[in-house]
Amino acid sequence: MPVMKSLRDVRLSNTAGHCVPVPGGVPTFIPDPLYEDAIAAGLIITDEPVPAGEKPVIEAPVEEEDTVLTVDSLEQAVRTILERNDENDFKNDGVPKVYSVAAELPKGCPKPTATEVADVYARLQDDIDLVT
C-alpha cells in the first residue's frame, strides 16, 4: 500500500466502498484499488513518514445487514422441498427448481444458482433419512 500526498485536499473514493480523505501536504496511506485514481487526482508517491496514529485502510467496509446464503440454509431449503415431495417443485431430471428453493430460504438471502442447488441435491441423495 503506497504512501502518497497531494498539494491540496482531495477525497478519493470508488464503487467498492473505499473512501480516503487526503489532506493537503500530509502523507497518507492509499489502498491499492485507489492507486490509479490517486495518480489521476495528482497525488505523488512519497517516502515521508505517515503521521503517528494514522492507520492504513485494509479493505472496503462490508454491509452486515445482508443475509448471506450459507450452505446450511441452502441445504435446509432443499431438504424441505424433498420432504414435501411436490412434483411442481422439481424439474424433469428430478432436481429441485431454483425458484422453489429460493422461496424456502430465509428472507433477504440471495437467490442460489442452479449449480449450487444441484450440488446440494446430489449431496442429499445419500441421506438415509430422506430415502425412507
Protein backbone atom coordinates (compact mmCIF):
# COMPACT_ATOMS: atom_id res chain seq x y z
CA MET A 1 0.00 0.00 0.00
CA PRO A 2 1.74 3.19 -1.13
CA VAL A 3 2.08 6.36 0.88
CA MET A 4 1.10 9.38 -1.21
CA LYS A 5 0.49 13.08 -0.69
CA SER A 6 -1.18 15.94 -2.50
CA LEU A 7 -0.70 19.70 -2.53
CA ARG A 8 -4.43 20.22 -1.95
CA ASP A 9 -7.20 18.49 -0.03
CA VAL A 10 -8.58 15.54 -2.02
CA ARG A 11 -11.13 12.82 -1.29
CA LEU A 12 -10.64 9.55 -3.16
CA SER A 13 -13.46 7.01 -3.43
CA ASN A 14 -14.59 4.13 -5.58
CA THR A 15 -17.61 1.89 -6.01
CA ALA A 16 -16.09 -0.85 -3.83
CA GLY A 17 -16.61 1.35 -0.77
CA HIS A 18 -13.16 2.82 -0.27
CA CYS A 19 -13.19 6.47 0.75
CA VAL A 20 -9.92 8.12 1.76
CA PRO A 21 -9.62 11.82 2.61
CA VAL A 22 -6.16 13.14 1.74
CA PRO A 23 -5.35 16.43 3.48
CA GLY A 24 -3.06 18.71 1.50
CA GLY A 25 0.65 18.16 2.21
CA VAL A 26 0.08 15.23 4.59
CA PRO A 27 1.40 11.74 3.68
CA THR A 28 -1.50 9.25 3.60
CA PHE A 29 -1.86 5.50 3.05
CA ILE A 30 -3.69 4.83 -0.23
CA PRO A 31 -5.29 1.38 -0.80
CA ASP A 32 -4.23 -0.41 -3.96
CA PRO A 33 -7.69 -0.19 -5.62
CA LEU A 34 -7.46 3.63 -5.38
CA TYR A 35 -3.90 3.90 -6.71
CA GLU A 36 -4.85 4.81 -10.30
CA ASP A 37 -7.45 7.32 -9.08
CA ALA A 38 -4.84 8.88 -6.80
CA ILE A 39 -2.40 9.30 -9.69
CA ALA A 40 -5.20 10.81 -11.81
CA ALA A 41 -6.03 13.25 -8.98
CA GLY A 42 -2.42 14.45 -8.91
CA LEU A 43 -1.08 12.63 -5.84
CA ILE A 44 2.56 11.62 -5.76
CA ILE A 45 4.33 8.76 -4.01
CA THR A 46 6.42 9.92 -1.09
CA ASP A 47 8.94 8.43 1.33
CA GLU A 48 7.88 10.75 4.15
CA PRO A 49 6.61 9.00 7.29
CA VAL A 50 2.88 8.88 7.91
CA PRO A 51 1.76 10.95 10.92
CA ALA A 52 1.57 8.97 14.18
CA GLY A 53 -1.77 7.33 14.83
CA GLU A 54 -2.85 7.07 11.20
CA LYS A 55 -3.62 3.51 10.16
CA PRO A 56 -3.77 2.15 6.63
CA VAL A 57 -7.10 1.21 5.11
CA ILE A 58 -7.12 -2.58 4.83
CA GLU A 59 -10.28 -3.29 2.84
CA ALA A 60 -13.63 -1.86 1.88
CA PRO A 61 -16.38 -1.92 4.50
CA VAL A 62 -18.85 -4.79 4.35
CA GLU A 63 -22.57 -4.32 4.86
CA GLU A 64 -23.54 -6.67 7.67
CA GLU A 65 -27.29 -6.32 7.28
CA ASP A 66 -27.38 -8.50 4.14
CA THR A 67 -28.29 -12.10 4.81
CA VAL A 68 -25.64 -14.41 3.45
CA LEU A 69 -26.57 -17.56 1.56
CA THR A 70 -24.94 -20.29 3.61
CA VAL A 71 -24.56 -23.95 2.81
CA ASP A 72 -26.72 -24.81 5.83
CA SER A 73 -29.62 -22.58 4.80
CA LEU A 74 -29.45 -23.84 1.22
CA GLU A 75 -29.32 -27.44 2.39
CA GLN A 76 -32.30 -26.89 4.71
CA ALA A 77 -34.32 -25.36 1.85
CA VAL A 78 -33.57 -28.31 -0.47
CA ARG A 79 -34.33 -30.77 2.34
CA THR A 80 -37.72 -29.09 2.92
CA ILE A 81 -38.60 -29.43 -0.76
CA LEU A 82 -37.52 -33.07 -0.83
CA GLU A 83 -39.60 -33.86 2.25
CA ARG A 84 -42.65 -32.07 0.82
CA ASN A 85 -42.22 -34.02 -2.45
CA ASP A 86 -44.49 -31.79 -4.59
CA GLU A 87 -43.98 -32.54 -8.29
CA ASN A 88 -44.27 -28.84 -9.15
CA ASP A 89 -41.06 -28.17 -7.17
CA PHE A 90 -38.91 -30.42 -9.39
CA LYS A 91 -37.53 -30.27 -12.91
CA ASN A 92 -37.84 -33.20 -15.31
CA ASP A 93 -34.47 -34.59 -14.19
CA GLY A 94 -35.59 -34.70 -10.54
CA VAL A 95 -33.52 -31.76 -9.31
CA PRO A 96 -35.43 -29.11 -7.32
CA LYS A 97 -36.27 -25.91 -9.22
CA VAL A 98 -34.23 -22.87 -8.25
CA TYR A 99 -37.26 -20.65 -7.62
CA SER A 100 -38.77 -23.31 -5.31
CA VAL A 101 -35.55 -23.45 -3.32
CA ALA A 102 -35.34 -19.63 -3.22
CA ALA A 103 -38.87 -19.48 -1.80
CA GLU A 104 -37.78 -21.69 1.12
CA LEU A 105 -34.72 -19.60 2.01
CA PRO A 106 -34.80 -17.01 4.83
CA LYS A 107 -35.94 -13.57 3.79
CA GLY A 108 -33.14 -11.47 2.29
CA CYS A 109 -30.99 -14.39 1.13
CA PRO A 110 -29.74 -14.08 -2.42
CA LYS A 111 -31.16 -16.48 -4.99
CA PRO A 112 -28.97 -19.58 -5.39
CA THR A 113 -27.60 -20.65 -8.74
CA ALA A 114 -28.76 -23.83 -10.47
CA THR A 115 -25.31 -25.33 -9.89
CA GLU A 116 -25.50 -24.68 -6.14
CA VAL A 117 -28.93 -26.32 -5.95
CA ALA A 118 -27.77 -29.32 -7.98
CA ASP A 119 -24.67 -29.74 -5.77
CA VAL A 120 -26.72 -29.71 -2.56
CA TYR A 121 -29.28 -32.07 -4.11
CA ALA A 122 -26.50 -34.51 -5.09
CA ARG A 123 -25.10 -34.40 -1.54
CA LEU A 124 -28.54 -35.07 -0.04
CA GLN A 125 -29.09 -38.12 -2.28
CA ASP A 126 -27.01 -40.15 0.18
CA ASP A 127 -29.03 -39.01 3.21
CA ILE A 128 -30.76 -42.11 4.62
CA ASP A 129 -33.42 -40.01 6.40
CA LEU A 130 -34.80 -38.74 3.09
CA VAL A 131 -34.93 -42.19 1.46
CA THR A 132 -37.47 -43.60 3.90
